[in-house]
Amino acid sequence: AQRHAPAAQQSLFEWLAQAAKGLPRP
């Protein structure tokens, strides 16, 4: 995926959800 692996305290869902962080809130 060309992404850094999750941080030590980061959940899998939080890490995957970062891919959509640039989308509008809705």
PDB file of all heavy atoms in Angstrom:
ATOM      1  N   ALA A   1       0.814  -1.222   0.000  1.00  0.00           N
ATOM      2  CA  ALA A   1       0.000   0.000   0.000  1.00  0.00           C
ATOM      3  C   ALA A   1       0.841   1.263   0.000  1.00  0.00           C
ATOM      4  O   ALA A   1       0.301   2.366  -0.116  1.00  0.00           O
ATOM      5  CB  ALA A   1      -0.922  -0.005   1.216  1.00  0.00           C
ATOM      6  N   GLN A   2       2.157   1.103   0.179  1.00  0.00           N
ATOM      7  CA  GLN A   2       3.092   2.224   0.257  1.00  0.00           C
ATOM      8  C   GLN A   2       2.728   3.182   1.398  1.00  0.00           C
ATOM      9  O   GLN A   2       2.689   4.396   1.244  1.00  0.00           O
ATOM     10  CB  GLN A   2       3.171   2.972  -1.080  1.00  0.00           C
ATOM     11  CG  GLN A   2       3.731   2.114  -2.206  1.00  0.00           C
ATOM     12  CD  GLN A   2       3.958   2.885  -3.483  1.00  0.00           C
ATOM     13  OE1 GLN A   2       3.368   3.948  -3.698  1.00  0.00           O
ATOM     14  NE2 GLN A   2       4.814   2.377  -4.339  1.00  0.00           N
ATOM     15  N   ARG A   3       2.451   2.572   2.547  1.00  0.00           N
ATOM     16  CA  ARG A   3       2.135   3.333   3.754  1.00  0.00           C
ATOM     17  C   ARG A   3       2.983   2.816   4.916  1.00  0.00           C
ATOM     18  O   ARG A   3       3.389   1.662   4.922  1.00  0.00           O
ATOM     19  CB  ARG A   3       0.647   3.211   4.114  1.00  0.00           C
ATOM     20  CG  ARG A   3      -0.285   3.848   3.099  1.00  0.00           C
ATOM     21  CD  ARG A   3      -1.742   3.643   3.488  1.00  0.00           C
ATOM     22  NE  ARG A   3      -2.631   4.245   2.511  1.00  0.00           N
ATOM     23  CZ  ARG A   3      -3.078   5.495   2.570  1.00  0.00           C
ATOM     24  NH1 ARG A   3      -2.736   6.257   3.599  1.00  0.00           N
ATOM     25  NH2 ARG A   3      -3.880   5.991   1.640  1.00  0.00           N
ATOM     26  N   HIS A   4       3.206   3.668   5.877  1.00  0.00           N
ATOM     27  CA  HIS A   4       3.898   3.232   7.081  1.00  0.00           C
ATOM     28  C   HIS A   4       3.007   2.274   7.851  1.00  0.00           C
ATOM     29  O   HIS A   4       1.779   2.410   7.869  1.00  0.00           O
ATOM     30  CB  HIS A   4       4.262   4.431   7.962  1.00  0.00           C
ATOM     31  CG  HIS A   4       5.278   5.346   7.341  1.00  0.00           C
ATOM     32  ND1 HIS A   4       6.571   4.941   7.076  1.00  0.00           N
ATOM     33  CD2 HIS A   4       5.188   6.646   6.924  1.00  0.00           C
ATOM     34  CE1 HIS A   4       7.250   5.945   6.529  1.00  0.00           C
ATOM     35  NE2 HIS A   4       6.428   6.993   6.420  1.00  0.00           N
ATOM     36  N   ALA A   5       3.601   1.298   8.489  1.00  0.00           N
ATOM     37  CA  ALA A   5       2.845   0.361   9.313  1.00  0.00           C
ATOM     38  C   ALA A   5       2.201   1.112  10.478  1.00  0.00           C
ATOM     39  O   ALA A   5       2.628   2.218  10.834  1.00  0.00           O
ATOM     40  CB  ALA A   5       3.769  -0.739   9.818  1.00  0.00           C
ATOM     41  N   PRO A   6       1.160   0.548  11.083  1.00  0.00           N
ATOM     42  CA  PRO A   6       0.497   1.231  12.203  1.00  0.00           C
ATOM     43  C   PRO A   6       1.461   1.549  13.336  1.00  0.00           C
ATOM     44  O   PRO A   6       2.398   0.797  13.609  1.00  0.00           O
ATOM     45  CB  PRO A   6      -0.560   0.209  12.654  1.00  0.00           C
ATOM     46  CG  PRO A   6      -0.793  -0.665  11.467  1.00  0.00           C
ATOM     47  CD  PRO A   6       0.511  -0.726  10.744  1.00  0.00           C
ATOM     48  N   ALA A   7       1.221   2.675  13.991  1.00  0.00           N
ATOM     49  CA  ALA A   7       2.015   3.046  15.158  1.00  0.00           C
ATOM     50  C   ALA A   7       1.708   2.079  16.300  1.00  0.00           C
ATOM     51  O   ALA A   7       0.714   1.347  16.270  1.00  0.00           O
ATOM     52  CB  ALA A   7       1.693   4.478  15.570  1.00  0.00           C
ATOM     53  N   ALA A   8       2.549   2.108  17.311  1.00  0.00           N
ATOM     54  CA  ALA A   8       2.461   1.131  18.401  1.00  0.00           C
ATOM     55  C   ALA A   8       1.094   1.130  19.072  1.00  0.00           C
ATOM     56  O   ALA A   8       0.544   0.074  19.390  1.00  0.00           O
ATOM     57  CB  ALA A   8       3.561   1.415  19.418  1.00  0.00           C
ATOM     58  N   GLN A   9       0.529   2.292  19.316  1.00  0.00           N
ATOM     59  CA  GLN A   9      -0.744   2.387  20.027  1.00  0.00           C
ATOM     60  C   GLN A   9      -1.933   2.601  19.090  1.00  0.00           C
ATOM     61  O   GLN A   9      -3.033   2.911  19.549  1.00  0.00           O
ATOM     62  CB  GLN A   9      -0.680   3.550  21.042  1.00  0.00           C
ATOM     63  CG  GLN A   9       0.428   3.437  22.053  1.00  0.00           C
ATOM     64  CD  GLN A   9       0.339   2.146  22.872  1.00  0.00           C
ATOM     65  OE1 GLN A   9      -0.743   1.736  23.270  1.00  0.00           O
ATOM     66  NE2 GLN A   9       1.484   1.518  23.132  1.00  0.00           N
ATOM     67  N   GLN A  10      -1.727   2.431  17.813  1.00  0.00           N
ATOM     68  CA  GLN A  10      -2.775   2.691  16.825  1.00  0.00           C
ATOM     69  C   GLN A  10      -3.511   1.400  16.484  1.00  0.00           C
ATOM     70  O   GLN A  10      -2.899   0.370  16.209  1.00  0.00           O
ATOM     71  CB  GLN A  10      -2.161   3.291  15.560  1.00  0.00           C
ATOM     72  CG  GLN A  10      -3.164   3.835  14.568  1.00  0.00           C
ATOM     73  CD  GLN A  10      -2.459   4.506  13.387  1.00  0.00           C
ATOM     74  OE1 GLN A  10      -1.366   4.107  12.997  1.00  0.00           O
ATOM     75  NE2 GLN A  10      -3.068   5.543  12.851  1.00  0.00           N
ATOM     76  N   SER A  11      -4.839   1.461  16.497  1.00  0.00           N
ATOM     77  CA  SER A  11      -5.613   0.278  16.153  1.00  0.00           C
ATOM     78  C   SER A  11      -5.610   0.072  14.641  1.00  0.00           C
ATOM     79  O   SER A  11      -5.335   0.996  13.861  1.00  0.00           O
ATOM     80  CB  SER A  11      -7.058   0.411  16.644  1.00  0.00           C
ATOM     81  OG  SER A  11      -7.766   1.343  15.838  1.00  0.00           O
ATOM     82  N   LEU A  12      -5.927  -1.138  14.233  1.00  0.00           N
ATOM     83  CA  LEU A  12      -5.980  -1.457  12.812  1.00  0.00           C
ATOM     84  C   LEU A  12      -7.015  -0.599  12.104  1.00  0.00           C
ATOM     85  O   LEU A  12      -6.768  -0.079  11.006  1.00  0.00           O
ATOM     86  CB  LEU A  12      -6.304  -2.940  12.634  1.00  0.00           C
ATOM     87  CG  LEU A  12      -6.466  -3.444  11.193  1.00  0.00           C
ATOM     88  CD1 LEU A  12      -5.174  -3.260  10.403  1.00  0.00           C
ATOM     89  CD2 LEU A  12      -6.897  -4.909  11.187  1.00  0.00           C
ATOM     90  N   PHE A  13      -8.170  -0.400  12.733  1.00  0.00           N
ATOM     91  CA  PHE A  13      -9.235   0.400  12.121  1.00  0.00           C
ATOM     92  C   PHE A  13      -8.806   1.856  11.968  1.00  0.00           C
ATOM     93  O   PHE A  13      -9.083   2.489  10.950  1.00  0.00           O
ATOM     94  CB  PHE A  13     -10.520   0.306  12.951  1.00  0.00           C
ATOM     95  CG  PHE A  13     -11.272  -0.972  12.750  1.00  0.00           C
ATOM     96  CD1 PHE A  13     -11.201  -1.982  13.680  1.00  0.00           C
ATOM     97  CD2 PHE A  13     -12.045  -1.174  11.614  1.00  0.00           C
ATOM     98  CE1 PHE A  13     -11.891  -3.166  13.501  1.00  0.00           C
ATOM     99  CE2 PHE A  13     -12.740  -2.350  11.424  1.00  0.00           C
ATOM    100  CZ  PHE A  13     -12.672  -3.355  12.367  1.00  0.00           C
ATOM    101  N   GLU A  14      -8.146   2.393  12.975  1.00  0.00           N
ATOM    102  CA  GLU A  14      -7.674   3.779  12.889  1.00  0.00           C
ATOM    103  C   GLU A  14      -6.671   3.923  11.753  1.00  0.00           C
ATOM    104  O   GLU A  14      -6.702   4.930  11.018  1.00  0.00           O
ATOM    105  CB  GLU A  14      -7.033   4.197  14.214  1.00  0.00           C
ATOM    106  CG  GLU A  14      -8.018   4.383  15.357  1.00  0.00           C
ATOM    107  CD  GLU A  14      -7.321   4.606  16.681  1.00  0.00           C
ATOM    108  OE1 GLU A  14      -6.125   4.255  16.809  1.00  0.00           O
ATOM    109  OE2 GLU A  14      -7.962   5.143  17.602  1.00  0.00           O
ATOM    110  N   TRP A  15      -5.800   2.957  11.625  1.00  0.00           N
ATOM    111  CA  TRP A  15      -4.776   3.011  10.579  1.00  0.00           C
ATOM    112  C   TRP A  15      -5.408   2.957   9.193  1.00  0.00           C
ATOM    113  O   TRP A  15      -5.059   3.749   8.313  1.00  0.00           O
ATOM    114  CB  TRP A  15      -3.803   1.859  10.769  1.00  0.00           C
ATOM    115  CG  TRP A  15      -2.696   1.826   9.763  1.00  0.00           C
ATOM    116  CD1 TRP A  15      -1.658   2.704   9.653  1.00  0.00           C
ATOM    117  CD2 TRP A  15      -2.509   0.855   8.719  1.00  0.00           C
ATOM    118  NE1 TRP A  15      -0.826   2.347   8.615  1.00  0.00           N
ATOM    119  CE2 TRP A  15      -1.327   1.215   8.028  1.00  0.00           C
ATOM    120  CE3 TRP A  15      -3.207  -0.276   8.323  1.00  0.00           C
ATOM    121  CZ2 TRP A  15      -0.845   0.486   6.940  1.00  0.00           C
ATOM    122  CZ3 TRP A  15      -2.732  -1.012   7.254  1.00  0.00           C
ATOM    123  CH2 TRP A  15      -1.559  -0.638   6.569  1.00  0.00           C
ATOM    124  N   LEU A  16      -6.332   2.036   8.995  1.00  0.00           N
ATOM    125  CA  LEU A  16      -6.991   1.917   7.695  1.00  0.00           C
ATOM    126  C   LEU A  16      -7.856   3.144   7.388  1.00  0.00           C
ATOM    127  O   LEU A  16      -7.929   3.588   6.240  1.00  0.00           O
ATOM    128  CB  LEU A  16      -7.849   0.653   7.652  1.00  0.00           C
ATOM    129  CG  LEU A  16      -7.086  -0.678   7.648  1.00  0.00           C
ATOM    130  CD1 LEU A  16      -8.038  -1.841   7.878  1.00  0.00           C
ATOM    131  CD2 LEU A  16      -6.325  -0.873   6.339  1.00  0.00           C
ATOM    132  N   ALA A  17      -8.496   3.691   8.411  1.00  0.00           N
ATOM    133  CA  ALA A  17      -9.374   4.846   8.211  1.00  0.00           C
ATOM    134  C   ALA A  17      -8.603   6.085   7.778  1.00  0.00           C
ATOM    135  O   ALA A  17      -9.184   7.003   7.178  1.00  0.00           O
ATOM    136  CB  ALA A  17     -10.156   5.140   9.493  1.00  0.00           C
ATOM    137  N   GLN A  18      -7.303   6.128   8.061  1.00  0.00           N
ATOM    138  CA  GLN A  18      -6.500   7.278   7.654  1.00  0.00           C
ATOM    139  C   GLN A  18      -6.505   7.479   6.141  1.00  0.00           C
ATOM    140  O   GLN A  18      -6.288   8.596   5.661  1.00  0.00           O
ATOM    141  CB  GLN A  18      -5.057   7.103   8.137  1.00  0.00           C
ATOM    142  CG  GLN A  18      -4.847   7.422   9.600  1.00  0.00           C
ATOM    143  CD  GLN A  18      -3.373   7.379   9.970  1.00  0.00           C
ATOM    144  OE1 GLN A  18      -2.584   6.625   9.391  1.00  0.00           O
ATOM    145  NE2 GLN A  18      -2.984   8.195  10.932  1.00  0.00           N
ATOM    146  N   ALA A  19      -6.745   6.411   5.394  1.00  0.00           N
ATOM    147  CA  ALA A  19      -6.745   6.523   3.931  1.00  0.00           C
ATOM    148  C   ALA A  19      -7.849   7.455   3.441  1.00  0.00           C
ATOM    149  O   ALA A  19      -7.751   8.024   2.347  1.00  0.00           O
ATOM    150  CB  ALA A  19      -6.916   5.140   3.305  1.00  0.00           C
ATOM    151  N   ALA A  20      -8.898   7.616   4.256  1.00  0.00           N
ATOM    152  CA  ALA A  20     -10.035   8.449   3.849  1.00  0.00           C
ATOM    153  C   ALA A  20     -10.029   9.814   4.536  1.00  0.00           C
ATOM    154  O   ALA A  20     -11.007  10.558   4.423  1.00  0.00           O
ATOM    155  CB  ALA A  20     -11.342   7.729   4.165  1.00  0.00           C
ATOM    156  N   LYS A  21      -8.944  10.151   5.224  1.00  0.00           N
ATOM    157  CA  LYS A  21      -8.949  11.386   6.015  1.00  0.00           C
ATOM    158  C   LYS A  21      -9.049  12.641   5.148  1.00  0.00           C
ATOM    159  O   LYS A  21      -9.469  13.695   5.638  1.00  0.00           O
ATOM    160  CB  LYS A  21      -7.705  11.448   6.900  1.00  0.00           C
ATOM    161  CG  LYS A  21      -6.394  11.614   6.139  1.00  0.00           C
ATOM    162  CD  LYS A  21      -5.212  11.672   7.098  1.00  0.00           C
ATOM    163  CE  LYS A  21      -3.896  11.844   6.345  1.00  0.00           C
ATOM    164  NZ  LYS A  21      -2.736  11.896   7.280  1.00  0.00           N
ATOM    165  N   GLY A  22      -8.671  12.550   3.865  1.00  0.00           N
ATOM    166  CA  GLY A  22      -8.748  13.718   3.000  1.00  0.00           C
ATOM    167  C   GLY A  22     -10.118  13.950   2.386  1.00  0.00           C
ATOM    168  O   GLY A  22     -10.327  14.958   1.685  1.00  0.00           O
ATOM    169  N   LEU A  23     -11.070  13.075   2.652  1.00  0.00           N
ATOM    170  CA  LEU A  23     -12.412  13.226   2.088  1.00  0.00           C
ATOM    171  C   LEU A  23     -13.221  14.233   2.893  1.00  0.00           C
ATOM    172  O   LEU A  23     -12.962  14.445   4.088  1.00  0.00           O
ATOM    173  CB  LEU A  23     -13.139  11.873   2.100  1.00  0.00           C
ATOM    174  CG  LEU A  23     -12.530  10.745   1.279  1.00  0.00           C
ATOM    175  CD1 LEU A  23     -13.372   9.470   1.431  1.00  0.00           C
ATOM    176  CD2 LEU A  23     -12.413  11.126  -0.187  1.00  0.00           C
ATOM    177  N   PRO A  24     -14.223  14.849   2.279  1.00  0.00           N
ATOM    178  CA  PRO A  24     -15.132  15.698   3.050  1.00  0.00           C
ATOM    179  C   PRO A  24     -15.795  14.889   4.167  1.00  0.00           C
ATOM    180  O   PRO A  24     -15.960  13.671   4.040  1.00  0.00           O
ATOM    181  CB  PRO A  24     -16.173  16.145   2.004  1.00  0.00           C
ATOM    182  CG  PRO A  24     -15.493  15.962   0.693  1.00  0.00           C
ATOM    183  CD  PRO A  24     -14.553  14.805   0.851  1.00  0.00           C
ATOM    184  N   ARG A  25     -16.182  15.554   5.239  1.00  0.00           N
ATOM    185  CA  ARG A  25     -16.689  14.831   6.406  1.00  0.00           C
ATOM    186  C   ARG A  25     -17.849  13.887   6.086  1.00  0.00           C
ATOM    187  O   ARG A  25     -17.840  12.732   6.566  1.00  0.00           O
ATOM    188  CB  ARG A  25     -17.109  15.824   7.496  1.00  0.00           C
ATOM    189  CG  ARG A  25     -17.657  15.129   8.742  1.00  0.00           C
ATOM    190  CD  ARG A  25     -17.948  16.116   9.838  1.00  0.00           C
ATOM    191  NE  ARG A  25     -16.738  16.730  10.351  1.00  0.00           N
ATOM    192  CZ  ARG A  25     -16.713  17.660  11.308  1.00  0.00           C
ATOM    193  NH1 ARG A  25     -17.860  18.074  11.840  1.00  0.00           N
ATOM    194  NH2 ARG A  25     -15.562  18.171  11.717  1.00  0.00           N
ATOM    195  N   PRO A  26     -18.856  14.268   5.296  1.00  0.00           N
ATOM    196  CA  PRO A  26     -19.950  13.321   5.023  1.00  0.00           C
ATOM    197  C   PRO A  26     -19.472  12.069   4.286  1.00  0.00           C
ATOM    198  O   PRO A  26     -19.920  10.959   4.601  1.00  0.00           O
ATOM    199  CB  PRO A  26     -20.910  14.139   4.149  1.00  0.00           C
ATOM    200  CG  PRO A  26     -20.600  15.559   4.449  1.00  0.00           C
ATOM    201  CD  PRO A  26     -19.130  15.593   4.714  1.00  0.00           C
TER     202      PRO A  26
END
